[in-house]
Amino acid sequence: LSEDGEKAIHPTTFYAHKEHEGVDVEIALRYVDGTETTELSFANNINTIDGGMHITGFRSALTRALNDYAKSSGVFKKGEENLTGDDVREGLTAVVSVKLREIQFEGQTKARLGSPEARPAVETVTGETLKEFFEKLSEDRLRCAETG
């Protein structure tokens, strides 16, 4: 249970840690049965409370990965509309952390990451690792169905 009394929808937290083109990317996410979205973001261990390029990349990849999985697994029927970014973030708790050699912030407060290379790095790592996760999930389900 979370501090708000919400229950996790899945038993484990999804976690990935990879480097992409010189950017170290770490993500963790979990869904709860509530509707609030909690996104914590960090750049070189600095809490970027207003997000920035890394959150933009994460959101884009998460939405794309969930829509791709829904289509490929038959959850969506042909012609049904995709989930929106707001849809996929409902009940989400996520942490996105990047480490960059040369970092740029927007403004003096360091509350928003401006380094453009963070977006494609987070997008790639998030997209690839979620795709791998969904493929393994599908294989596991198929194996369970075959063994009855």
N, C-alpha and C. Protein backbone atom coordinates (compact mmCIF):
# COMPACT_ATOMS: atom_id res chain seq x y z
N LEU A 1 0.84 -1.19 0.00
CA LEU A 1 0.00 0.00 0.00
C LEU A 1 0.88 1.25 0.00
N SER A 2 0.46 2.26 -0.73
CA SER A 2 1.17 3.53 -0.70
C SER A 2 0.70 4.31 0.52
N GLU A 3 1.32 5.46 0.74
CA GLU A 3 0.91 6.27 1.89
C GLU A 3 -0.51 6.79 1.74
N ASP A 4 -1.05 6.80 0.51
CA ASP A 4 -2.43 7.21 0.27
C ASP A 4 -3.40 6.03 0.35
N GLY A 5 -2.88 4.83 0.67
CA GLY A 5 -3.71 3.65 0.74
C GLY A 5 -3.97 3.00 -0.60
N GLU A 6 -3.25 3.42 -1.64
CA GLU A 6 -3.44 2.84 -2.96
C GLU A 6 -2.64 1.55 -3.07
N LYS A 7 -3.19 0.60 -3.83
CA LYS A 7 -2.53 -0.69 -4.01
C LYS A 7 -1.83 -0.73 -5.36
N ALA A 8 -0.67 -1.37 -5.36
CA ALA A 8 0.06 -1.56 -6.62
C ALA A 8 -0.73 -2.49 -7.52
N ILE A 9 -0.74 -2.21 -8.80
CA ILE A 9 -1.47 -3.02 -9.77
C ILE A 9 -0.65 -4.24 -10.19
N HIS A 10 0.67 -4.12 -10.17
CA HIS A 10 1.55 -5.23 -10.54
C HIS A 10 2.55 -5.48 -9.41
N PRO A 11 3.01 -6.71 -9.27
CA PRO A 11 3.77 -7.08 -8.07
C PRO A 11 5.16 -6.49 -7.93
N THR A 12 5.80 -6.17 -9.03
CA THR A 12 7.16 -5.65 -8.93
C THR A 12 7.28 -4.33 -9.67
N THR A 13 8.27 -3.56 -9.28
CA THR A 13 8.56 -2.29 -9.94
C THR A 13 9.37 -2.57 -11.20
N PHE A 14 8.97 -1.96 -12.31
CA PHE A 14 9.76 -2.06 -13.54
C PHE A 14 10.98 -1.18 -13.38
N TYR A 15 12.15 -1.71 -13.69
CA TYR A 15 13.40 -0.97 -13.52
C TYR A 15 14.31 -1.22 -14.70
N ALA A 16 14.95 -0.18 -15.17
CA ALA A 16 15.94 -0.30 -16.25
C ALA A 16 17.07 0.69 -16.00
N HIS A 17 18.27 0.26 -16.34
CA HIS A 17 19.46 1.11 -16.20
C HIS A 17 20.38 0.78 -17.35
N LYS A 18 20.56 1.75 -18.26
CA LYS A 18 21.39 1.57 -19.45
C LYS A 18 22.03 2.89 -19.83
N GLU A 19 23.10 2.78 -20.59
CA GLU A 19 23.71 3.98 -21.16
C GLU A 19 23.37 4.03 -22.64
N HIS A 20 23.09 5.23 -23.11
CA HIS A 20 22.82 5.43 -24.54
C HIS A 20 23.52 6.69 -25.00
N GLU A 21 24.45 6.52 -25.92
CA GLU A 21 25.20 7.63 -26.51
C GLU A 21 25.76 8.58 -25.45
N GLY A 22 26.40 8.00 -24.44
CA GLY A 22 27.06 8.80 -23.42
C GLY A 22 26.16 9.32 -22.30
N VAL A 23 24.89 9.00 -22.36
CA VAL A 23 23.96 9.43 -21.32
C VAL A 23 23.56 8.20 -20.51
N ASP A 24 23.79 8.24 -19.21
CA ASP A 24 23.40 7.17 -18.30
C ASP A 24 21.93 7.39 -17.93
N VAL A 25 21.10 6.39 -18.20
CA VAL A 25 19.65 6.51 -17.98
C VAL A 25 19.19 5.44 -17.00
N GLU A 26 18.42 5.86 -16.04
CA GLU A 26 17.85 4.95 -15.05
C GLU A 26 16.38 5.30 -14.90
N ILE A 27 15.52 4.28 -15.03
CA ILE A 27 14.09 4.52 -14.87
C ILE A 27 13.48 3.44 -13.98
N ALA A 28 12.49 3.82 -13.24
CA ALA A 28 11.71 2.88 -12.44
C ALA A 28 10.25 3.34 -12.51
N LEU A 29 9.34 2.38 -12.63
CA LEU A 29 7.93 2.77 -12.68
C LEU A 29 7.05 1.69 -12.09
N ARG A 30 5.92 2.14 -11.60
CA ARG A 30 4.93 1.25 -11.02
C ARG A 30 3.56 1.92 -11.12
N TYR A 31 2.55 1.12 -11.35
CA TYR A 31 1.18 1.64 -11.40
C TYR A 31 0.45 1.24 -10.12
N VAL A 32 -0.37 2.17 -9.64
CA VAL A 32 -1.23 1.91 -8.50
C VAL A 32 -2.67 2.09 -8.94
N ASP A 33 -3.61 1.69 -8.09
CA ASP A 33 -5.02 1.75 -8.46
C ASP A 33 -5.63 3.14 -8.31
N GLY A 34 -4.84 4.15 -8.00
CA GLY A 34 -5.32 5.52 -7.91
C GLY A 34 -5.24 6.23 -9.26
N THR A 35 -5.52 7.51 -9.25
CA THR A 35 -5.50 8.27 -10.50
C THR A 35 -4.37 9.30 -10.58
N GLU A 36 -3.73 9.57 -9.46
CA GLU A 36 -2.66 10.57 -9.45
C GLU A 36 -1.42 10.06 -10.18
N THR A 37 -0.67 11.00 -10.75
CA THR A 37 0.59 10.69 -11.39
C THR A 37 1.70 11.32 -10.56
N THR A 38 2.72 10.53 -10.28
CA THR A 38 3.89 11.05 -9.58
C THR A 38 5.11 10.76 -10.44
N GLU A 39 5.77 11.81 -10.90
CA GLU A 39 6.98 11.67 -11.69
C GLU A 39 8.10 12.43 -10.98
N LEU A 40 9.13 11.71 -10.59
CA LEU A 40 10.30 12.33 -9.98
C LEU A 40 11.42 12.26 -11.00
N SER A 41 12.11 13.39 -11.20
CA SER A 41 13.17 13.39 -12.19
C SER A 41 14.44 14.00 -11.62
N PHE A 42 15.56 13.44 -12.09
CA PHE A 42 16.87 13.87 -11.62
C PHE A 42 17.83 13.95 -12.79
N ALA A 43 18.73 14.92 -12.71
CA ALA A 43 19.81 15.06 -13.69
C ALA A 43 21.09 15.29 -12.90
N ASN A 44 22.03 14.36 -13.04
CA ASN A 44 23.27 14.39 -12.26
C ASN A 44 22.97 14.53 -10.77
N ASN A 45 21.99 13.76 -10.32
CA ASN A 45 21.54 13.70 -8.91
C ASN A 45 20.88 14.98 -8.41
N ILE A 46 20.56 15.91 -9.30
CA ILE A 46 19.84 17.13 -8.93
C ILE A 46 18.37 16.92 -9.26
N ASN A 47 17.50 17.13 -8.28
CA ASN A 47 16.06 16.96 -8.48
C ASN A 47 15.55 18.05 -9.42
N THR A 48 15.15 17.65 -10.60
CA THR A 48 14.60 18.59 -11.59
C THR A 48 13.08 18.60 -11.43
N ILE A 49 12.62 19.39 -10.48
CA ILE A 49 11.20 19.36 -10.10
C ILE A 49 10.26 19.79 -11.22
N ASP A 50 10.76 20.53 -12.20
CA ASP A 50 9.93 20.92 -13.33
C ASP A 50 10.16 20.03 -14.55
N GLY A 51 10.87 18.91 -14.36
CA GLY A 51 11.08 17.96 -15.45
C GLY A 51 12.10 18.43 -16.46
N GLY A 52 11.73 18.36 -17.72
CA GLY A 52 12.64 18.76 -18.79
C GLY A 52 12.72 17.70 -19.88
N MET A 53 13.83 17.72 -20.59
CA MET A 53 13.99 16.86 -21.76
C MET A 53 13.90 15.36 -21.41
N HIS A 54 14.40 14.96 -20.27
CA HIS A 54 14.36 13.55 -19.90
C HIS A 54 12.94 13.07 -19.62
N ILE A 55 12.12 13.90 -19.02
CA ILE A 55 10.71 13.53 -18.78
C ILE A 55 9.94 13.51 -20.09
N THR A 56 10.23 14.45 -20.98
CA THR A 56 9.58 14.46 -22.29
C THR A 56 9.87 13.16 -23.03
N GLY A 57 11.13 12.72 -23.02
CA GLY A 57 11.50 11.47 -23.67
C GLY A 57 10.84 10.27 -23.03
N PHE A 58 10.77 10.26 -21.71
CA PHE A 58 10.14 9.15 -20.98
C PHE A 58 8.66 9.05 -21.32
N ARG A 59 7.97 10.16 -21.27
CA ARG A 59 6.53 10.15 -21.54
C ARG A 59 6.23 9.67 -22.95
N SER A 60 6.99 10.16 -23.90
CA SER A 60 6.79 9.78 -25.29
C SER A 60 6.99 8.28 -25.49
N ALA A 61 8.08 7.75 -24.94
CA ALA A 61 8.38 6.33 -25.10
C ALA A 61 7.37 5.45 -24.37
N LEU A 62 6.96 5.86 -23.19
CA LEU A 62 5.98 5.08 -22.42
C LEU A 62 4.67 4.98 -23.18
N THR A 63 4.18 6.09 -23.69
CA THR A 63 2.92 6.10 -24.44
C THR A 63 3.04 5.22 -25.68
N ARG A 64 4.12 5.36 -26.42
CA ARG A 64 4.32 4.57 -27.64
C ARG A 64 4.42 3.08 -27.31
N ALA A 65 5.20 2.73 -26.29
CA ALA A 65 5.39 1.32 -25.94
C ALA A 65 4.08 0.66 -25.50
N LEU A 66 3.29 1.34 -24.69
CA LEU A 66 2.03 0.76 -24.25
C LEU A 66 1.03 0.62 -25.39
N ASN A 67 1.00 1.60 -26.30
CA ASN A 67 0.11 1.49 -27.45
C ASN A 67 0.56 0.36 -28.38
N ASP A 68 1.86 0.25 -28.61
CA ASP A 68 2.38 -0.83 -29.47
C ASP A 68 2.03 -2.20 -28.89
N TYR A 69 2.21 -2.34 -27.57
CA TYR A 69 1.91 -3.61 -26.93
C TYR A 69 0.41 -3.91 -26.99
N ALA A 70 -0.41 -2.91 -26.76
CA ALA A 70 -1.86 -3.12 -26.80
C ALA A 70 -2.31 -3.59 -28.19
N LYS A 71 -1.69 -3.04 -29.22
CA LYS A 71 -2.04 -3.45 -30.59
C LYS A 71 -1.53 -4.86 -30.88
N SER A 72 -0.28 -5.13 -30.57
CA SER A 72 0.32 -6.42 -30.92
C SER A 72 -0.26 -7.57 -30.11
N SER A 73 -0.75 -7.30 -28.92
CA SER A 73 -1.29 -8.38 -28.08
C SER A 73 -2.80 -8.56 -28.26
N GLY A 74 -3.41 -7.73 -29.07
CA GLY A 74 -4.83 -7.87 -29.33
C GLY A 74 -5.73 -7.17 -28.33
N VAL A 75 -5.16 -6.39 -27.42
CA VAL A 75 -5.98 -5.64 -26.47
C VAL A 75 -6.81 -4.61 -27.24
N PHE A 76 -6.19 -3.97 -28.23
CA PHE A 76 -6.91 -3.04 -29.10
C PHE A 76 -7.34 -3.77 -30.34
N LYS A 77 -8.58 -3.58 -30.72
CA LYS A 77 -9.07 -4.12 -31.98
C LYS A 77 -8.73 -3.13 -33.08
N LYS A 78 -8.69 -3.61 -34.30
CA LYS A 78 -8.34 -2.76 -35.43
C LYS A 78 -9.27 -1.55 -35.48
N GLY A 79 -8.69 -0.38 -35.62
CA GLY A 79 -9.46 0.85 -35.72
C GLY A 79 -9.70 1.56 -34.40
N GLU A 80 -9.42 0.91 -33.27
CA GLU A 80 -9.60 1.56 -31.97
C GLU A 80 -8.53 2.63 -31.79
N GLU A 81 -8.91 3.66 -31.06
CA GLU A 81 -7.99 4.76 -30.82
C GLU A 81 -6.88 4.38 -29.86
N ASN A 82 -5.74 5.04 -30.03
CA ASN A 82 -4.61 4.85 -29.13
C ASN A 82 -4.89 5.48 -27.77
N LEU A 83 -4.14 5.01 -26.79
CA LEU A 83 -4.15 5.67 -25.48
C LEU A 83 -3.42 7.00 -25.61
N THR A 84 -3.84 7.98 -24.84
CA THR A 84 -3.14 9.27 -24.84
C THR A 84 -2.07 9.25 -23.74
N GLY A 85 -1.23 10.25 -23.72
CA GLY A 85 -0.23 10.39 -22.67
C GLY A 85 -0.87 10.46 -21.30
N ASP A 86 -1.99 11.20 -21.20
CA ASP A 86 -2.70 11.29 -19.92
C ASP A 86 -3.23 9.92 -19.49
N ASP A 87 -3.72 9.14 -20.46
CA ASP A 87 -4.23 7.80 -20.15
C ASP A 87 -3.14 6.93 -19.52
N VAL A 88 -1.96 6.90 -20.14
CA VAL A 88 -0.91 5.98 -19.68
C VAL A 88 -0.23 6.45 -18.40
N ARG A 89 -0.40 7.71 -18.05
CA ARG A 89 0.21 8.21 -16.81
C ARG A 89 -0.74 8.17 -15.61
N GLU A 90 -1.98 7.81 -15.83
CA GLU A 90 -2.93 7.72 -14.71
C GLU A 90 -2.53 6.59 -13.76
N GLY A 91 -2.30 6.93 -12.51
CA GLY A 91 -1.90 5.95 -11.51
C GLY A 91 -0.42 5.59 -11.54
N LEU A 92 0.35 6.31 -12.32
CA LEU A 92 1.77 6.01 -12.49
C LEU A 92 2.63 6.70 -11.44
N THR A 93 3.57 5.95 -10.91
CA THR A 93 4.65 6.52 -10.12
C THR A 93 5.93 6.17 -10.85
N ALA A 94 6.72 7.18 -11.21
CA ALA A 94 7.93 6.94 -11.99
C ALA A 94 9.08 7.79 -11.48
N VAL A 95 10.28 7.23 -11.61
CA VAL A 95 11.51 7.96 -11.32
C VAL A 95 12.37 7.86 -12.56
N VAL A 96 12.83 9.02 -13.04
CA VAL A 96 13.69 9.08 -14.22
C VAL A 96 14.94 9.84 -13.82
N SER A 97 16.08 9.20 -14.02
CA SER A 97 17.35 9.83 -13.66
C SER A 97 18.33 9.71 -14.81
N VAL A 98 18.99 10.82 -15.12
CA VAL A 98 20.02 10.80 -16.15
C VAL A 98 21.31 11.39 -15.58
N LYS A 99 22.40 10.92 -16.14
CA LYS A 99 23.71 11.49 -15.82
C LYS A 99 24.36 11.87 -17.13
N LEU A 100 24.74 13.14 -17.23
CA LEU A 100 25.32 13.68 -18.45
C LEU A 100 26.69 14.28 -18.15
N ARG A 101 27.57 14.23 -19.16
CA ARG A 101 28.89 14.84 -18.98
C ARG A 101 28.79 16.35 -18.92
N GLU A 102 28.06 16.92 -19.87
CA GLU A 102 27.86 18.37 -19.89
C GLU A 102 26.37 18.62 -19.78
N ILE A 103 25.99 19.27 -18.72
CA ILE A 103 24.56 19.43 -18.41
C ILE A 103 24.12 20.87 -18.60
N GLN A 104 22.91 21.03 -19.11
CA GLN A 104 22.32 22.36 -19.29
C GLN A 104 20.97 22.38 -18.58
N PHE A 105 20.76 23.40 -17.80
CA PHE A 105 19.47 23.61 -17.15
C PHE A 105 18.82 24.83 -17.75
N GLU A 106 17.49 24.88 -17.68
CA GLU A 106 16.76 26.08 -18.10
C GLU A 106 16.55 26.92 -16.85
N GLY A 107 17.07 28.10 -16.84
CA GLY A 107 16.92 29.00 -15.69
C GLY A 107 17.97 28.75 -14.62
N GLN A 108 17.97 29.61 -13.62
CA GLN A 108 18.98 29.57 -12.57
C GLN A 108 18.69 28.54 -11.49
N THR A 109 17.45 28.10 -11.37
CA THR A 109 17.07 27.23 -10.25
C THR A 109 17.41 25.76 -10.46
N LYS A 110 17.82 25.37 -11.66
CA LYS A 110 18.12 23.98 -12.01
C LYS A 110 16.90 23.07 -11.84
N ALA A 111 15.72 23.64 -11.99
CA ALA A 111 14.48 22.87 -11.81
C ALA A 111 14.05 22.14 -13.08
N ARG A 112 14.63 22.51 -14.23
CA ARG A 112 14.22 21.92 -15.50
C ARG A 112 15.46 21.64 -16.35
N LEU A 113 15.57 20.37 -16.80
CA LEU A 113 16.71 19.97 -17.62
C LEU A 113 16.52 20.43 -19.06
N GLY A 114 17.53 21.09 -19.60
CA GLY A 114 17.46 21.57 -20.98
C GLY A 114 18.36 20.83 -21.95
N SER A 115 19.19 19.93 -21.47
CA SER A 115 20.14 19.20 -22.33
C SER A 115 19.39 18.39 -23.38
N PRO A 116 19.51 18.76 -24.66
CA PRO A 116 18.71 18.09 -25.69
C PRO A 116 19.04 16.61 -25.86
N GLU A 117 20.27 16.19 -25.57
CA GLU A 117 20.64 14.78 -25.76
C GLU A 117 19.95 13.85 -24.76
N ALA A 118 19.36 14.40 -23.71
CA ALA A 118 18.68 13.57 -22.71
C ALA A 118 17.40 12.96 -23.27
N ARG A 119 16.70 13.71 -24.10
CA ARG A 119 15.41 13.20 -24.62
C ARG A 119 15.57 11.91 -25.43
N PRO A 120 16.40 11.90 -26.49
CA PRO A 120 16.49 10.65 -27.26
C PRO A 120 17.10 9.50 -26.46
N ALA A 121 17.99 9.81 -25.53
CA ALA A 121 18.58 8.74 -24.71
C ALA A 121 17.52 8.08 -23.84
N VAL A 122 16.71 8.89 -23.17
CA VAL A 122 15.66 8.33 -22.30
C VAL A 122 14.59 7.65 -23.14
N GLU A 123 14.25 8.25 -24.28
CA GLU A 123 13.26 7.65 -25.17
C GLU A 123 13.71 6.27 -25.63
N THR A 124 14.96 6.16 -26.04
CA THR A 124 15.49 4.89 -26.54
C THR A 124 15.53 3.84 -25.44
N VAL A 125 16.10 4.19 -24.30
CA VAL A 125 16.21 3.22 -23.20
C VAL A 125 14.83 2.79 -22.71
N THR A 126 13.93 3.73 -22.53
CA THR A 126 12.58 3.39 -22.07
C THR A 126 11.88 2.51 -23.10
N GLY A 127 11.91 2.91 -24.35
CA GLY A 127 11.24 2.14 -25.40
C GLY A 127 11.79 0.74 -25.55
N GLU A 128 13.12 0.61 -25.61
CA GLU A 128 13.74 -0.70 -25.79
C GLU A 128 13.49 -1.63 -24.61
N THR A 129 13.63 -1.12 -23.41
CA THR A 129 13.49 -1.99 -22.24
C THR A 129 12.02 -2.39 -22.01
N LEU A 130 11.10 -1.48 -22.28
CA LEU A 130 9.68 -1.86 -22.16
C LEU A 130 9.30 -2.88 -23.24
N LYS A 131 9.82 -2.71 -24.45
CA LYS A 131 9.55 -3.68 -25.51
C LYS A 131 10.06 -5.06 -25.12
N GLU A 132 11.29 -5.12 -24.59
CA GLU A 132 11.86 -6.39 -24.12
C GLU A 132 10.99 -7.00 -23.02
N PHE A 133 10.55 -6.16 -22.10
CA PHE A 133 9.70 -6.62 -21.00
C PHE A 133 8.39 -7.20 -21.53
N PHE A 134 7.74 -6.50 -22.45
CA PHE A 134 6.47 -6.97 -22.99
C PHE A 134 6.65 -8.25 -23.81
N GLU A 135 7.76 -8.36 -24.54
CA GLU A 135 8.02 -9.59 -25.30
C GLU A 135 8.18 -10.77 -24.35
N LYS A 136 8.92 -10.57 -23.27
CA LYS A 136 9.10 -11.64 -22.28
C LYS A 136 7.77 -11.99 -21.62
N LEU A 137 6.98 -10.97 -21.31
CA LEU A 137 5.66 -11.21 -20.73
C LEU A 137 4.80 -12.05 -21.66
N SER A 138 4.81 -11.73 -22.95
CA SER A 138 4.03 -12.49 -23.93
C SER A 138 4.53 -13.92 -24.03
N GLU A 139 5.86 -14.12 -24.04
CA GLU A 139 6.44 -15.46 -24.09
C GLU A 139 6.05 -16.27 -22.86
N ASP A 140 6.11 -15.65 -21.69
CA ASP A 140 5.75 -16.33 -20.45
C ASP A 140 4.28 -16.73 -20.45
N ARG A 141 3.42 -15.85 -20.95
CA ARG A 141 1.98 -16.17 -21.02
C ARG A 141 1.72 -17.32 -21.98
N LEU A 142 2.42 -17.30 -23.12
CA LEU A 142 2.27 -18.37 -24.10
C LEU A 142 2.74 -19.70 -23.51
N ARG A 143 3.87 -19.68 -22.82
CA ARG A 143 4.41 -20.89 -22.18
C ARG A 143 3.42 -21.43 -21.14
N CYS A 144 2.83 -20.55 -20.36
CA CYS A 144 1.85 -20.97 -19.36
C CYS A 144 0.62 -21.57 -20.01
N ALA A 145 0.18 -20.99 -21.10
CA ALA A 145 -1.00 -21.49 -21.81
C ALA A 145 -0.72 -22.87 -22.41
N GLU A 146 0.49 -23.07 -22.91
CA GLU A 146 0.84 -24.36 -23.53
C GLU A 146 0.94 -25.47 -22.49
N THR A 147 1.40 -25.12 -21.29
CA THR A 147 1.55 -26.15 -20.26
C THR A 147 0.27 -26.39 -19.49
N GLY A 148 -0.69 -25.48 -19.70
CA GLY A 148 -2.02 -25.68 -19.19
C GLY A 148 -2.20 -25.49 -17.76
